[in-house]
């Protein structure tokens, strides 16, 4: 077996006596890798979807409730935007002459000869 750079791959083998395995870093890494693989395999097998576990009528009720909540949220957002729009319009109507003059972009220096 050769690596991409042409060097020969050396399989790491721990040559420590069994009593010293606990202190060996290579053995610890191998043990952790095996543990991770076992956990990942277990997670893949245990993945059960909520849709599979629930009955059809319960699932349909949940979907309906989700749609109703989304519709209520959209209505609430629309009402809030409408309220803000009306508030801005009212504020614009109630501005004093000084505020309107201050906001205008008229510059007397442009018209001065």
Foldseek 3Di string as FASTA:
>chain_A
DADPVGHRDDDDDDPDPPVCLVVDPVSVVVVVVVVVVVVVVVVVVPDDDPVNVDDPVVVVVVVVVVVVVVVVVVVVVVVVVVVVVVVVVVVVVPDDPVVVVVPDPDDVVVVDD
